[in-house]
All heavy atoms as atom14 arrays in JSON, in Angstrom:
{
  "sequence": "AAWKKVTDEVHARGGRIFVQLWHTGRMSHTAFQPGE",
  "atom14_mask": [
    [1, 1, 1, 1, 1, 0, 0, 0, 0, 0, 0, 0, 0, 0],
    [1, 1, 1, 1, 1, 0, 0, 0, 0, 0, 0, 0, 0, 0],
    [1, 1, 1, 1, 1, 1, 1, 1, 1, 1, 1, 1, 1, 1],
    [1, 1, 1, 1, 1, 1, 1, 1, 1, 0, 0, 0, 0, 0],
    [1, 1, 1, 1, 1, 1, 1, 1, 1, 0, 0, 0, 0, 0],
    [1, 1, 1, 1, 1, 1, 1, 0, 0, 0, 0, 0, 0, 0],
    [1, 1, 1, 1, 1, 1, 1, 0, 0, 0, 0, 0, 0, 0],
    [1, 1, 1, 1, 1, 1, 1, 1, 0, 0, 0, 0, 0, 0],
    [1, 1, 1, 1, 1, 1, 1, 1, 1, 0, 0, 0, 0, 0],
    [1, 1, 1, 1, 1, 1, 1, 0, 0, 0, 0, 0, 0, 0],
    [1, 1, 1, 1, 1, 1, 1, 1, 1, 1, 0, 0, 0, 0],
    [1, 1, 1, 1, 1, 0, 0, 0, 0, 0, 0, 0, 0, 0],
    [1, 1, 1, 1, 1, 1, 1, 1, 1, 1, 1, 0, 0, 0],
    [1, 1, 1, 1, 0, 0, 0, 0, 0, 0, 0, 0, 0, 0],
    [1, 1, 1, 1, 0, 0, 0, 0, 0, 0, 0, 0, 0, 0],
    [1, 1, 1, 1, 1, 1, 1, 1, 1, 1, 1, 0, 0, 0],
    [1, 1, 1, 1, 1, 1, 1, 1, 0, 0, 0, 0, 0, 0],
    [1, 1, 1, 1, 1, 1, 1, 1, 1, 1, 1, 0, 0, 0],
    [1, 1, 1, 1, 1, 1, 1, 0, 0, 0, 0, 0, 0, 0],
    [1, 1, 1, 1, 1, 1, 1, 1, 1, 0, 0, 0, 0, 0],
    [1, 1, 1, 1, 1, 1, 1, 1, 0, 0, 0, 0, 0, 0],
    [1, 1, 1, 1, 1, 1, 1, 1, 1, 1, 1, 1, 1, 1],
    [1, 1, 1, 1, 1, 1, 1, 1, 1, 1, 0, 0, 0, 0],
    [1, 1, 1, 1, 1, 1, 1, 0, 0, 0, 0, 0, 0, 0],
    [1, 1, 1, 1, 0, 0, 0, 0, 0, 0, 0, 0, 0, 0],
    [1, 1, 1, 1, 1, 1, 1, 1, 1, 1, 1, 0, 0, 0],
    [1, 1, 1, 1, 1, 1, 1, 1, 0, 0, 0, 0, 0, 0],
    [1, 1, 1, 1, 1, 1, 0, 0, 0, 0, 0, 0, 0, 0],
    [1, 1, 1, 1, 1, 1, 1, 1, 1, 1, 0, 0, 0, 0],
    [1, 1, 1, 1, 1, 1, 1, 0, 0, 0, 0, 0, 0, 0],
    [1, 1, 1, 1, 1, 0, 0, 0, 0, 0, 0, 0, 0, 0],
    [1, 1, 1, 1, 1, 1, 1, 1, 1, 1, 1, 0, 0, 0],
    [1, 1, 1, 1, 1, 1, 1, 1, 1, 0, 0, 0, 0, 0],
    [1, 1, 1, 1, 1, 1, 1, 0, 0, 0, 0, 0, 0, 0],
    [1, 1, 1, 1, 0, 0, 0, 0, 0, 0, 0, 0, 0, 0],
    [1, 1, 1, 1, 1, 1, 1, 1, 1, 0, 0, 0, 0, 0]
  ],
  "atom14_positions": [
    [[-40.06, -213.5, 107.06], [-40.8, -213.25, 108.26], [-40.82, -211.79, 108.66], [-41.81, -211.23, 109.04], [-40.31, -214.05, 109.35], [0.0, 0.0, 0.0], [0.0, 0.0, 0.0], [0.0, 0.0, 0.0], [0.0, 0.0, 0.0], [0.0, 0.0, 0.0], [0.0, 0.0, 0.0], [0.0, 0.0, 0.0], [0.0, 0.0, 0.0], [0.0, 0.0, 0.0]],
    [[-39.65, -211.08, 108.52], [-39.59, -209.74, 108.81], [-40.37, -208.77, 107.89], [-41.02, -207.87, 108.27], [-38.09, -209.22, 108.86], [0.0, 0.0, 0.0], [0.0, 0.0, 0.0], [0.0, 0.0, 0.0], [0.0, 0.0, 0.0], [0.0, 0.0, 0.0], [0.0, 0.0, 0.0], [0.0, 0.0, 0.0], [0.0, 0.0, 0.0], [0.0, 0.0, 0.0]],
    [[-40.3, -209.13, 106.56], [-41.08, -208.41, 105.58], [-42.57, -208.55, 105.92], [-43.41, -207.69, 105.59], [-40.74, -208.77, 104.21], [-39.47, -208.1, 103.56], [-38.4, -208.73, 103.11], [-39.37, -206.74, 103.37], [-37.54, -207.82, 102.65], [-38.04, -206.52, 102.74], [-40.05, -205.49, 103.66], [-37.53, -205.27, 102.44], [-39.62, -204.31, 103.26], [-38.39, -204.21, 102.62]],
    [[-42.99, -209.68, 106.39], [-44.38, -209.93, 106.66], [-44.9, -208.96, 107.68], [-46.06, -208.47, 107.65], [-44.55, -211.35, 107.11], [-46.12, -211.83, 107.34], [-46.81, -211.88, 106.0], [-48.09, -212.67, 106.04], [-49.11, -211.91, 106.92], [0.0, 0.0, 0.0], [0.0, 0.0, 0.0], [0.0, 0.0, 0.0], [0.0, 0.0, 0.0], [0.0, 0.0, 0.0]],
    [[-44.07, -208.61, 108.62], [-44.52, -207.51, 109.62], [-44.71, -206.24, 108.9], [-45.61, -205.41, 109.27], [-43.42, -207.4, 110.72], [-43.24, -208.67, 111.6], [-42.12, -208.49, 112.55], [-41.92, -209.78, 113.34], [-40.79, -209.69, 114.33], [0.0, 0.0, 0.0], [0.0, 0.0, 0.0], [0.0, 0.0, 0.0], [0.0, 0.0, 0.0], [0.0, 0.0, 0.0]],
    [[-43.87, -205.88, 107.95], [-44.03, -204.62, 107.15], [-45.35, -204.67, 106.37], [-46.23, -203.71, 106.52], [-42.87, -204.4, 106.17], [-43.12, -203.26, 105.27], [-41.55, -204.25, 107.01], [0.0, 0.0, 0.0], [0.0, 0.0, 0.0], [0.0, 0.0, 0.0], [0.0, 0.0, 0.0], [0.0, 0.0, 0.0], [0.0, 0.0, 0.0], [0.0, 0.0, 0.0]],
    [[-45.6, -205.7, 105.55], [-46.77, -205.77, 104.84], [-48.01, -205.76, 105.6], [-49.11, -205.2, 105.29], [-46.73, -206.95, 103.78], [-46.64, -208.19, 104.5], [-45.5, -206.89, 102.87], [0.0, 0.0, 0.0], [0.0, 0.0, 0.0], [0.0, 0.0, 0.0], [0.0, 0.0, 0.0], [0.0, 0.0, 0.0], [0.0, 0.0, 0.0], [0.0, 0.0, 0.0]],
    [[-47.97, -206.5, 106.73], [-49.21, -206.61, 107.62], [-49.6, -205.19, 108.12], [-50.77, -204.82, 108.12], [-48.93, -207.47, 108.78], [-49.06, -208.92, 108.39], [-49.47, -209.31, 107.28], [-48.73, -209.75, 109.28], [0.0, 0.0, 0.0], [0.0, 0.0, 0.0], [0.0, 0.0, 0.0], [0.0, 0.0, 0.0], [0.0, 0.0, 0.0], [0.0, 0.0, 0.0]],
    [[-48.55, -204.39, 108.44], [-48.83, -203.07, 109.05], [-49.37, -202.11, 107.92], [-50.26, -201.29, 108.15], [-47.66, -202.52, 109.79], [-47.85, -201.25, 110.54], [-48.84, -201.4, 111.65], [-49.0, -202.54, 112.22], [-49.68, -200.48, 111.93], [0.0, 0.0, 0.0], [0.0, 0.0, 0.0], [0.0, 0.0, 0.0], [0.0, 0.0, 0.0], [0.0, 0.0, 0.0]],
    [[-48.74, -202.19, 106.78], [-49.17, -201.32, 105.62], [-50.56, -201.63, 105.27], [-51.49, -200.81, 105.16], [-48.23, -201.54, 104.46], [-48.86, -200.85, 103.22], [-46.87, -200.89, 104.69], [0.0, 0.0, 0.0], [0.0, 0.0, 0.0], [0.0, 0.0, 0.0], [0.0, 0.0, 0.0], [0.0, 0.0, 0.0], [0.0, 0.0, 0.0], [0.0, 0.0, 0.0]],
    [[-50.9, -202.96, 105.17], [-52.24, -203.36, 104.85], [-53.29, -202.91, 106.02], [-54.41, -202.58, 105.68], [-52.38, -204.89, 104.65], [-51.65, -205.28, 103.4], [-51.03, -206.5, 103.25], [-51.5, -204.63, 102.18], [-50.54, -206.64, 102.04], [-50.8, -205.51, 101.38], [0.0, 0.0, 0.0], [0.0, 0.0, 0.0], [0.0, 0.0, 0.0], [0.0, 0.0, 0.0]],
    [[-52.85, -203.04, 107.18], [-53.72, -202.62, 108.35], [-54.13, -201.16, 108.21], [-55.15, -200.74, 108.68], [-53.03, -203.0, 109.66], [0.0, 0.0, 0.0], [0.0, 0.0, 0.0], [0.0, 0.0, 0.0], [0.0, 0.0, 0.0], [0.0, 0.0, 0.0], [0.0, 0.0, 0.0], [0.0, 0.0, 0.0], [0.0, 0.0, 0.0], [0.0, 0.0, 0.0]],
    [[-53.22, -200.4, 107.62], [-53.49, -198.96, 107.49], [-54.14, -198.66, 106.09], [-54.21, -197.48, 105.69], [-52.23, -198.15, 107.65], [-51.61, -198.27, 109.06], [-50.62, -197.27, 109.36], [-49.87, -197.63, 110.58], [-49.01, -196.75, 111.1], [-48.93, -195.54, 110.75], [-48.38, -197.15, 112.2], [0.0, 0.0, 0.0], [0.0, 0.0, 0.0], [0.0, 0.0, 0.0]],
    [[-54.5, -199.58, 105.35], [-55.27, -199.47, 104.1], [-54.38, -199.3, 102.92], [-54.82, -198.89, 101.83], [0.0, 0.0, 0.0], [0.0, 0.0, 0.0], [0.0, 0.0, 0.0], [0.0, 0.0, 0.0], [0.0, 0.0, 0.0], [0.0, 0.0, 0.0], [0.0, 0.0, 0.0], [0.0, 0.0, 0.0], [0.0, 0.0, 0.0], [0.0, 0.0, 0.0]],
    [[-53.13, -199.57, 103.04], [-52.14, -199.3, 101.98], [-51.95, -200.62, 101.05], [-52.37, -201.61, 101.42], [0.0, 0.0, 0.0], [0.0, 0.0, 0.0], [0.0, 0.0, 0.0], [0.0, 0.0, 0.0], [0.0, 0.0, 0.0], [0.0, 0.0, 0.0], [0.0, 0.0, 0.0], [0.0, 0.0, 0.0], [0.0, 0.0, 0.0], [0.0, 0.0, 0.0]],
    [[-51.21, -200.44, 100.01], [-50.77, -201.34, 99.04], [-49.36, -201.32, 98.92], [-48.72, -200.23, 98.77], [-51.49, -201.26, 97.71], [-53.04, -201.36, 97.77], [-53.43, -202.83, 98.13], [-54.84, -203.1, 98.0], [-55.5, -204.25, 98.24], [-54.63, -205.32, 98.62], [-56.75, -204.42, 98.13], [0.0, 0.0, 0.0], [0.0, 0.0, 0.0], [0.0, 0.0, 0.0]],
    [[-48.63, -202.53, 98.79], [-47.16, -202.49, 98.79], [-46.6, -203.58, 97.81], [-47.0, -204.78, 98.02], [-46.62, -202.48, 100.13], [-45.12, -202.44, 100.16], [-47.11, -203.78, 100.91], [-44.5, -202.29, 101.59], [0.0, 0.0, 0.0], [0.0, 0.0, 0.0], [0.0, 0.0, 0.0], [0.0, 0.0, 0.0], [0.0, 0.0, 0.0], [0.0, 0.0, 0.0]],
    [[-45.76, -203.15, 96.9], [-44.88, -204.09, 96.06], [-43.47, -204.09, 96.72], [-43.23, -203.17, 97.5], [-44.92, -203.66, 94.65], [-46.01, -204.12, 93.73], [-47.33, -204.15, 94.34], [-45.81, -204.36, 92.47], [-48.34, -204.5, 93.4], [-46.8, -204.87, 91.62], [-48.16, -204.84, 92.13], [0.0, 0.0, 0.0], [0.0, 0.0, 0.0], [0.0, 0.0, 0.0]],
    [[-42.65, -204.97, 96.34], [-41.25, -204.9, 96.6], [-40.47, -204.94, 95.34], [-40.75, -205.67, 94.41], [-40.85, -205.9, 97.57], [-41.0, -207.37, 96.97], [-39.45, -205.72, 98.09], [0.0, 0.0, 0.0], [0.0, 0.0, 0.0], [0.0, 0.0, 0.0], [0.0, 0.0, 0.0], [0.0, 0.0, 0.0], [0.0, 0.0, 0.0], [0.0, 0.0, 0.0]],
    [[-39.3, -204.12, 95.26], [-38.47, -204.14, 94.11], [-37.5, -205.18, 94.3], [-36.71, -205.25, 95.36], [-37.88, -202.78, 93.9], [-37.07, -202.74, 92.57], [-36.33, -201.46, 92.47], [-35.47, -201.14, 93.19], [-36.6, -200.66, 91.43], [0.0, 0.0, 0.0], [0.0, 0.0, 0.0], [0.0, 0.0, 0.0], [0.0, 0.0, 0.0], [0.0, 0.0, 0.0]],
    [[-37.31, -206.07, 93.34], [-36.22, -207.16, 93.42], [-35.07, -206.79, 92.58], [-35.27, -206.38, 91.36], [-36.91, -208.48, 92.97], [-38.12, -209.06, 93.68], [-38.53, -210.34, 93.15], [-37.85, -209.13, 95.27], [0.0, 0.0, 0.0], [0.0, 0.0, 0.0], [0.0, 0.0, 0.0], [0.0, 0.0, 0.0], [0.0, 0.0, 0.0], [0.0, 0.0, 0.0]],
    [[-33.84, -206.96, 93.12], [-32.62, -206.67, 92.29], [-31.54, -207.6, 92.55], [-31.54, -208.4, 93.46], [-32.23, -205.14, 92.65], [-31.51, -205.02, 94.02], [-31.53, -205.87, 95.09], [-30.76, -203.77, 94.41], [-30.82, -205.22, 96.11], [-30.4, -204.01, 95.69], [-30.47, -202.64, 93.78], [-29.64, -203.02, 96.43], [-29.69, -201.63, 94.43], [-29.34, -201.95, 95.76]],
    [[-30.7, -207.58, 91.5], [-29.38, -208.11, 91.62], [-28.42, -207.0, 91.16], [-28.5, -206.5, 90.1], [-29.17, -209.3, 90.72], [-28.0, -210.23, 90.88], [-26.71, -209.64, 90.85], [-27.82, -211.55, 91.13], [-25.86, -210.52, 91.02], [-26.44, -211.7, 91.21], [0.0, 0.0, 0.0], [0.0, 0.0, 0.0], [0.0, 0.0, 0.0], [0.0, 0.0, 0.0]],
    [[-27.49, -206.64, 92.09], [-26.65, -205.4, 91.83], [-25.57, -205.7, 90.71], [-25.05, -204.72, 90.21], [-26.0, -204.89, 93.08], [-25.15, -205.92, 93.68], [-27.11, -204.51, 94.11], [0.0, 0.0, 0.0], [0.0, 0.0, 0.0], [0.0, 0.0, 0.0], [0.0, 0.0, 0.0], [0.0, 0.0, 0.0], [0.0, 0.0, 0.0], [0.0, 0.0, 0.0]],
    [[-25.24, -207.02, 90.55], [-24.28, -207.27, 89.43], [-22.91, -206.65, 89.77], [-22.36, -206.9, 90.82], [0.0, 0.0, 0.0], [0.0, 0.0, 0.0], [0.0, 0.0, 0.0], [0.0, 0.0, 0.0], [0.0, 0.0, 0.0], [0.0, 0.0, 0.0], [0.0, 0.0, 0.0], [0.0, 0.0, 0.0], [0.0, 0.0, 0.0], [0.0, 0.0, 0.0]],
    [[-22.37, -205.91, 88.89], [-21.04, -205.37, 89.05], [-20.99, -204.21, 89.98], [-19.9, -203.72, 90.35], [-20.44, -205.02, 87.64], [-21.09, -203.83, 86.99], [-20.47, -203.53, 85.63], [-20.95, -202.3, 85.08], [-20.22, -201.52, 84.29], [-18.98, -201.81, 83.94], [-20.82, -200.47, 83.71], [0.0, 0.0, 0.0], [0.0, 0.0, 0.0], [0.0, 0.0, 0.0]],
    [[-22.15, -203.63, 90.39], [-22.16, -202.64, 91.43], [-22.11, -203.27, 92.85], [-22.97, -203.22, 93.63], [-23.48, -201.89, 91.39], [-23.46, -200.87, 90.04], [-22.12, -199.67, 90.19], [-22.38, -198.98, 91.86], [0.0, 0.0, 0.0], [0.0, 0.0, 0.0], [0.0, 0.0, 0.0], [0.0, 0.0, 0.0], [0.0, 0.0, 0.0], [0.0, 0.0, 0.0]],
    [[-20.96, -203.96, 93.01], [-20.74, -204.69, 94.32], [-19.24, -204.66, 94.55], [-18.44, -204.13, 93.8], [-21.39, -205.97, 94.17], [-21.27, -206.74, 95.45], [0.0, 0.0, 0.0], [0.0, 0.0, 0.0], [0.0, 0.0, 0.0], [0.0, 0.0, 0.0], [0.0, 0.0, 0.0], [0.0, 0.0, 0.0], [0.0, 0.0, 0.0], [0.0, 0.0, 0.0]],
    [[-18.98, -205.39, 95.6], [-17.54, -205.51, 96.11], [-17.33, -206.87, 96.69], [-18.33, -207.51, 97.22], [-17.23, -204.45, 97.12], [-15.84, -204.26, 97.57], [-15.18, -205.11, 98.48], [-14.85, -203.46, 97.12], [-13.92, -204.8, 98.63], [-13.73, -203.76, 97.78], [0.0, 0.0, 0.0], [0.0, 0.0, 0.0], [0.0, 0.0, 0.0], [0.0, 0.0, 0.0]],
    [[-16.17, -207.39, 96.6], [-15.92, -208.69, 97.27], [-16.39, -208.82, 98.63], [-16.73, -209.9, 99.08], [-14.43, -209.11, 97.02], [-13.64, -208.09, 97.69], [-14.07, -209.18, 95.64], [0.0, 0.0, 0.0], [0.0, 0.0, 0.0], [0.0, 0.0, 0.0], [0.0, 0.0, 0.0], [0.0, 0.0, 0.0], [0.0, 0.0, 0.0], [0.0, 0.0, 0.0]],
    [[-16.34, -207.72, 99.4], [-16.68, -207.76, 100.75], [-18.05, -208.19, 101.01], [-18.39, -208.67, 102.08], [-16.46, -206.35, 101.42], [0.0, 0.0, 0.0], [0.0, 0.0, 0.0], [0.0, 0.0, 0.0], [0.0, 0.0, 0.0], [0.0, 0.0, 0.0], [0.0, 0.0, 0.0], [0.0, 0.0, 0.0], [0.0, 0.0, 0.0], [0.0, 0.0, 0.0]],
    [[-18.99, -208.02, 100.01], [-20.37, -208.34, 100.2], [-20.69, -209.69, 99.52], [-21.82, -210.22, 99.61], [-21.2, -207.24, 99.37], [-21.15, -205.95, 100.12], [-20.66, -204.8, 99.44], [-21.54, -205.7, 101.41], [-20.58, -203.58, 99.98], [-21.39, -204.48, 102.01], [-21.01, -203.41, 101.29], [0.0, 0.0, 0.0], [0.0, 0.0, 0.0], [0.0, 0.0, 0.0]],
    [[-19.73, -210.31, 98.93], [-20.04, -211.54, 98.17], [-19.78, -212.76, 99.02], [-18.76, -212.75, 99.74], [-19.19, -211.56, 96.83], [-19.5, -210.54, 95.84], [-20.94, -210.76, 95.29], [-21.19, -211.83, 94.77], [-21.77, -209.74, 95.41], [0.0, 0.0, 0.0], [0.0, 0.0, 0.0], [0.0, 0.0, 0.0], [0.0, 0.0, 0.0], [0.0, 0.0, 0.0]],
    [[-20.55, -213.75, 98.93], [-20.26, -215.08, 99.64], [-18.82, -215.55, 99.25], [-18.42, -215.6, 98.07], [-21.27, -216.12, 99.09], [-22.4, -215.12, 98.58], [-21.81, -213.95, 98.07], [0.0, 0.0, 0.0], [0.0, 0.0, 0.0], [0.0, 0.0, 0.0], [0.0, 0.0, 0.0], [0.0, 0.0, 0.0], [0.0, 0.0, 0.0], [0.0, 0.0, 0.0]],
    [[-18.12, -215.84, 100.28], [-16.64, -216.31, 100.12], [-15.77, -215.18, 99.55], [-14.66, -215.51, 99.12], [0.0, 0.0, 0.0], [0.0, 0.0, 0.0], [0.0, 0.0, 0.0], [0.0, 0.0, 0.0], [0.0, 0.0, 0.0], [0.0, 0.0, 0.0], [0.0, 0.0, 0.0], [0.0, 0.0, 0.0], [0.0, 0.0, 0.0], [0.0, 0.0, 0.0]],
    [[-16.23, -214.01, 99.58], [-15.41, -212.85, 99.09], [-15.02, -213.03, 97.61], [-13.95, -212.54, 97.2], [-14.23, -212.47, 99.97], [-14.69, -212.08, 101.36], [-13.56, -211.45, 102.2], [-12.41, -211.56, 101.71], [-13.81, -210.84, 103.29], [0.0, 0.0, 0.0], [0.0, 0.0, 0.0], [0.0, 0.0, 0.0], [0.0, 0.0, 0.0], [0.0, 0.0, 0.0]]
  ]
}
């Protein structure tokens, strides 16, 4: 829902927008992982 506000505003100004999808893999820490 929050990203929809971004894309709506970009489109309202005539822009085009993709989003980059990632999985950081080993570039992470237990502090960010579910259940640590």
